[in-house]
Structures are given as structure tokens and as C-alpha cells.
């Protein structure tokens, strides 16, 4: 275990790094398409799908980060003296 976490679980910062990497890939793909258009070459339709796939992946990662919440103990739930 690292930092008291189970093996394989990523911290919020690690997940943000992954989302940024996905966005960087989408940006690269878009820049390549733009360069082709500027050069007068018509890109393949599948190339546009690649950009959309990268953007979708990055959005899913960001949404997962936003909705992921650590479990918290409700008041009176843990280590409560029995009365």
C-alpha cells in the first residue's frame, strides 16, 4: 500500500494528470487536422472521429473526477460509545 491506499487506486491529482493527457492528445489530433486543411488536403472522416473519441475520453475522465467523493463517516457512526 502506498500512502495508506489500496494498490491500484489513483489520487485525484493522478486522475487529473490523466485527463490533461487525454485533452493534450485531442488537441494534437485537432492540430493535425487543421494543418491538413491548411495544406489543402481533405482529411479522412475517420480522423474527425479520432478527435471526438479523444475529447469524449477526456470528458468522461473529468466527469468521473468531479463525481468521485471519498466516503465519510456520518455523525455518530464510527467509534460511537454505546449508551
C-alpha atoms as a PDB file:
ATOM      1  CA  UNK A   1       0.000   0.000   0.000  1.00  0.00           C
ATOM      2  CA  UNK A   2       1.166   3.477  -0.778  1.00  0.00           C
ATOM      3  CA  UNK A   3       0.063   6.399   1.392  1.00  0.00           C
ATOM      4  CA  UNK A   4      -2.438   4.144   3.155  1.00  0.00           C
ATOM      5  CA  UNK A   5      -4.303   3.456  -0.089  1.00  0.00           C
ATOM      6  CA  UNK A   6      -5.054   0.121  -1.696  1.00  0.00           C
ATOM      7  CA  UNK A   7      -2.824  -0.829  -4.590  1.00  0.00           C
ATOM      8  CA  UNK A   8      -4.138   0.425  -7.896  1.00  0.00           C
ATOM      9  CA  UNK A   9      -6.199   3.362  -6.697  1.00  0.00           C
ATOM     10  CA  UNK A  10      -5.277   6.764  -8.099  1.00  0.00           C
ATOM     11  CA  UNK A  11      -5.336  10.042  -6.234  1.00  0.00           C
ATOM     12  CA  UNK A  12      -7.382  12.959  -7.519  1.00  0.00           C
ATOM     13  CA  UNK A  13      -4.194  14.634  -8.773  1.00  0.00           C
ATOM     14  CA  UNK A  14      -3.164  11.491 -10.656  1.00  0.00           C
ATOM     15  CA  UNK A  15      -6.592  11.332 -12.277  1.00  0.00           C
ATOM     16  CA  UNK A  16      -6.352  14.996 -13.275  1.00  0.00           C
ATOM     17  CA  UNK A  17      -2.990  14.310 -14.898  1.00  0.00           C
ATOM     18  CA  UNK A  18      -4.603  11.527 -16.935  1.00  0.00           C
ATOM     19  CA  UNK A  19      -7.448  13.823 -18.005  1.00  0.00           C
ATOM     20  CA  UNK A  20      -4.960  16.512 -19.051  1.00  0.00           C
ATOM     21  CA  UNK A  21      -3.068  13.925 -21.093  1.00  0.00           C
ATOM     22  CA  UNK A  22      -6.292  12.957 -22.872  1.00  0.00           C
ATOM     23  CA  UNK A  23      -7.007  16.600 -23.636  1.00  0.00           C
ATOM     24  CA  UNK A  24      -3.469  17.031 -24.958  1.00  0.00           C
ATOM     25  CA  UNK A  25      -3.992  14.083 -27.320  1.00  0.00           C
ATOM     26  CA  UNK A  26      -7.261  15.578 -28.548  1.00  0.00           C
ATOM     27  CA  UNK A  27      -5.544  18.907 -29.139  1.00  0.00           C
ATOM     28  CA  UNK A  28      -2.739  17.217 -31.093  1.00  0.00           C
ATOM     29  CA  UNK A  29      -5.244  15.385 -33.265  1.00  0.00           C
ATOM     30  CA  UNK A  30      -7.145  18.610 -33.916  1.00  0.00           C
ATOM     31  CA  UNK A  31      -3.947  20.497 -34.790  1.00  0.00           C
ATOM     32  CA  UNK A  32      -3.012  17.741 -37.276  1.00  0.00           C
ATOM     33  CA  UNK A  33      -6.433  18.008 -38.927  1.00  0.00           C
ATOM     34  CA  UNK A  34      -6.164  21.781 -39.076  1.00  0.00           C
ATOM     35  CA  UNK A  35      -2.717  21.529 -40.689  1.00  0.00           C
ATOM     36  CA  UNK A  36      -4.100  19.175 -43.334  1.00  0.00           C
ATOM     37  CA  UNK A  37      -6.936  21.569 -44.137  1.00  0.00           C
ATOM     38  CA  UNK A  38      -4.475  24.476 -44.312  1.00  0.00           C
ATOM     39  CA  UNK A  39      -2.362  22.457 -46.749  1.00  0.00           C
ATOM     40  CA  UNK A  40      -5.401  21.894 -48.949  1.00  0.00           C
ATOM     41  CA  UNK A  41      -5.744  18.214 -48.113  1.00  0.00           C
ATOM     42  CA  UNK A  42      -9.141  16.860 -47.161  1.00  0.00           C
ATOM     43  CA  UNK A  43      -8.781  14.700 -44.028  1.00  0.00           C
ATOM     44  CA  UNK A  44     -10.438  11.322 -43.836  1.00  0.00           C
ATOM     45  CA  UNK A  45     -13.760  11.313 -41.969  1.00  0.00           C
ATOM     46  CA  UNK A  46     -12.280   8.808 -39.512  1.00  0.00           C
ATOM     47  CA  UNK A  47      -9.742  11.445 -38.464  1.00  0.00           C
ATOM     48  CA  UNK A  48     -12.566  13.601 -37.140  1.00  0.00           C
ATOM     49  CA  UNK A  49     -13.827  10.592 -35.215  1.00  0.00           C
ATOM     50  CA  UNK A  50     -10.397  10.275 -33.605  1.00  0.00           C
ATOM     51  CA  UNK A  51     -10.615  13.842 -32.302  1.00  0.00           C
ATOM     52  CA  UNK A  52     -14.113  13.254 -30.970  1.00  0.00           C
ATOM     53  CA  UNK A  53     -13.036   9.993 -29.309  1.00  0.00           C
ATOM     54  CA  UNK A  54     -10.157  11.738 -27.511  1.00  0.00           C
ATOM     55  CA  UNK A  55     -12.460  14.556 -26.368  1.00  0.00           C
ATOM     56  CA  UNK A  56     -15.103  12.087 -25.169  1.00  0.00           C
ATOM     57  CA  UNK A  57     -12.495  10.168 -23.185  1.00  0.00           C
ATOM     58  CA  UNK A  58     -11.190  13.315 -21.538  1.00  0.00           C
ATOM     59  CA  UNK A  59     -14.706  14.479 -20.679  1.00  0.00           C
ATOM     60  CA  UNK A  60     -15.547  11.094 -19.113  1.00  0.00           C
ATOM     61  CA  UNK A  61     -12.392  11.257 -17.003  1.00  0.00           C
ATOM     62  CA  UNK A  62     -13.182  14.789 -15.832  1.00  0.00           C
ATOM     63  CA  UNK A  63     -16.790  13.883 -15.029  1.00  0.00           C
ATOM     64  CA  UNK A  64     -15.607  10.868 -13.038  1.00  0.00           C
ATOM     65  CA  UNK A  65     -13.230  13.078 -11.061  1.00  0.00           C
ATOM     66  CA  UNK A  66     -15.995  15.590 -10.343  1.00  0.00           C
ATOM     67  CA  UNK A  67     -18.444  12.961  -9.110  1.00  0.00           C
ATOM     68  CA  UNK A  68     -15.953  10.868  -7.132  1.00  0.00           C
ATOM     69  CA  UNK A  69     -16.284  11.642  -3.475  1.00  0.00           C
ATOM     70  CA  UNK A  70     -14.489   9.944  -0.624  1.00  0.00           C
ATOM     71  CA  UNK A  71     -16.654   8.054   1.793  1.00  0.00           C
ATOM     72  CA  UNK A  72     -17.264   9.900   5.006  1.00  0.00           C
ATOM     73  CA  UNK A  73     -18.479   8.697   8.332  1.00  0.00           C
ATOM     74  CA  UNK A  74     -21.794  10.156   9.348  1.00  0.00           C
ATOM     75  CA  UNK A  75     -22.059  11.711  12.803  1.00  0.00           C
ATOM     76  CA  UNK A  76     -22.457   9.025  15.435  1.00  0.00           C
ATOM     77  CA  UNK A  77     -21.495   6.283  13.003  1.00  0.00           C
ATOM     78  CA  UNK A  78     -17.955   5.239  13.863  1.00  0.00           C
ATOM     79  CA  UNK A  79     -16.408   4.731  17.290  1.00  0.00           C
ATOM     80  CA  UNK A  80     -19.573   5.855  18.979  1.00  0.00           C
ATOM     81  CA  UNK A  81     -19.887   4.984  22.623  1.00  0.00           C
ATOM     82  CA  UNK A  82     -22.733   2.591  23.222  1.00  0.00           C
ATOM     83  CA  UNK A  83     -25.302   4.132  25.512  1.00  0.00           C
END
